[in-house]
Amino acid sequence: MHTLRSIYGEQQAQLINDTEWIRMVGDRRWLAFTKDDRVRRERLVRIALQESGARVFCLASGNLPGHEQERRFLENLDRIIRQGRRPGPYVFGVYGKGIAKLWP
């Protein structure tokens, strides 16, 4: 698992825009995990998703405490892995009891 911090360094990670990291994970064929579901709403980000084939899994509510964010990803890990084997682009929401396609 990689974080923006582990790839870009602490300071640079704070400056990376969504289109850049989405293109990177799509180009590298990685699965992306984020707590920010607005990635599916911004036009330039949707273009980056489409062009890179990125596969993104986001928490539908970014205001969850850290332990709840972790629990939702871990409890849905099998579903995420199954879906992650399919080609992108897509954005799936990660909920307490499952995942659901949010885009396209």
Protein backbone atom coordinates (compact mmCIF):
# COMPACT_ATOMS: atom_id res chain seq x y z
CA MET A 1 0.00 0.00 0.00
CA HIS A 2 1.19 3.47 -0.89
CA THR A 3 0.08 6.85 0.34
CA LEU A 4 0.54 10.19 -1.34
CA ARG A 5 2.98 10.98 1.45
CA SER A 6 5.07 7.86 0.76
CA ILE A 7 5.25 8.66 -2.96
CA TYR A 8 5.64 12.45 -2.98
CA GLY A 9 6.89 13.28 0.52
CA GLU A 10 5.03 15.10 3.28
CA GLN A 11 5.02 18.62 1.83
CA GLN A 12 4.50 17.74 -1.81
CA ALA A 13 1.65 15.35 -0.97
CA GLN A 14 -0.35 18.29 0.37
CA LEU A 15 -0.03 20.03 -3.00
CA ILE A 16 -0.95 17.18 -5.35
CA ASN A 17 -4.26 17.76 -7.08
CA ASP A 18 -6.80 15.01 -7.63
CA THR A 19 -6.25 14.78 -11.38
CA GLU A 20 -2.55 14.09 -10.89
CA TRP A 21 -2.85 11.27 -8.35
CA ILE A 22 -5.80 9.72 -10.20
CA ARG A 23 -3.81 9.59 -13.43
CA MET A 24 -0.86 8.07 -11.54
CA VAL A 25 -2.88 5.26 -9.93
CA GLY A 26 -4.68 4.57 -13.21
CA ASP A 27 -1.42 4.42 -15.17
CA ARG A 28 0.09 2.08 -12.56
CA ARG A 29 -3.05 -0.09 -12.45
CA TRP A 30 -3.38 0.41 -8.70
CA LEU A 31 -6.63 0.53 -6.76
CA ALA A 32 -7.20 3.91 -5.13
CA PHE A 33 -8.75 4.35 -1.69
CA THR A 34 -9.95 7.77 -0.60
CA LYS A 35 -12.24 9.33 1.94
CA ASP A 36 -13.25 12.03 -0.53
CA ASP A 37 -16.19 11.09 -2.73
CA ARG A 38 -16.19 14.44 -4.54
CA VAL A 39 -13.65 12.96 -6.98
CA ARG A 40 -16.59 11.71 -9.00
CA ARG A 41 -18.20 15.15 -9.24
CA GLU A 42 -15.42 17.35 -10.60
CA ARG A 43 -15.26 17.57 -14.39
CA LEU A 44 -11.47 17.53 -14.74
CA VAL A 45 -11.22 14.61 -12.34
CA ARG A 46 -13.80 12.64 -14.32
CA ILE A 47 -11.72 13.26 -17.44
CA ALA A 48 -8.62 11.95 -15.60
CA LEU A 49 -10.60 8.91 -14.43
CA GLN A 50 -11.79 8.19 -17.96
CA GLU A 51 -8.41 8.67 -19.63
CA SER A 52 -6.40 6.69 -17.06
CA GLY A 53 -8.89 3.89 -16.42
CA ALA A 54 -8.54 4.49 -12.68
CA ARG A 55 -10.39 2.30 -10.21
CA VAL A 56 -11.35 4.32 -7.13
CA PHE A 57 -13.03 3.25 -3.89
CA CYS A 58 -14.19 6.10 -1.68
CA LEU A 59 -15.99 6.45 1.58
CA ALA A 60 -19.41 7.92 1.00
CA SER A 61 -18.99 10.00 4.15
CA GLY A 62 -15.58 11.59 4.69
CA ASN A 63 -16.50 12.80 8.15
CA LEU A 64 -16.17 9.39 9.79
CA PRO A 65 -13.66 8.88 12.60
CA GLY A 66 -10.47 7.07 11.56
CA HIS A 67 -11.43 3.75 13.16
CA GLU A 68 -14.77 3.75 11.28
CA GLN A 69 -13.05 4.55 7.97
CA GLU A 70 -10.71 1.62 8.54
CA ARG A 71 -13.58 -0.70 9.52
CA ARG A 72 -15.57 0.11 6.37
CA PHE A 73 -12.64 -0.58 4.06
CA LEU A 74 -11.67 -3.79 5.88
CA GLU A 75 -15.21 -5.17 6.13
CA ASN A 76 -15.64 -4.66 2.40
CA LEU A 77 -12.19 -5.81 1.36
CA ASP A 78 -13.42 -8.99 -0.38
CA ARG A 79 -15.97 -6.99 -2.38
CA ILE A 80 -13.34 -4.37 -3.24
CA ILE A 81 -10.87 -7.03 -4.41
CA ARG A 82 -13.51 -8.74 -6.58
CA GLN A 83 -14.53 -5.46 -8.18
CA GLY A 84 -10.92 -4.32 -8.44
CA ARG A 85 -10.16 -7.21 -10.79
CA ARG A 86 -12.46 -5.59 -13.34
CA PRO A 87 -11.14 -2.88 -15.64
CA GLY A 88 -11.90 0.76 -14.93
CA PRO A 89 -12.64 3.51 -15.00
CA TYR A 90 -15.03 3.64 -12.08
CA VAL A 91 -15.68 5.05 -8.64
CA PHE A 92 -17.34 2.86 -6.01
CA GLY A 93 -18.67 4.10 -2.70
CA VAL A 94 -17.73 2.08 0.37
CA TYR A 95 -20.53 1.84 2.93
CA GLY A 96 -21.06 0.07 6.21
CA LYS A 97 -22.64 -2.95 4.50
CA GLY A 98 -21.32 -3.04 0.99
CA ILE A 99 -20.04 -1.10 -2.00
CA ALA A 100 -22.02 0.63 -4.75
CA LYS A 101 -21.07 2.09 -8.09
CA LEU A 102 -21.10 5.89 -8.02
CA TRP A 103 -19.57 6.67 -11.40
CA PRO A 104 -19.93 6.31 -14.35
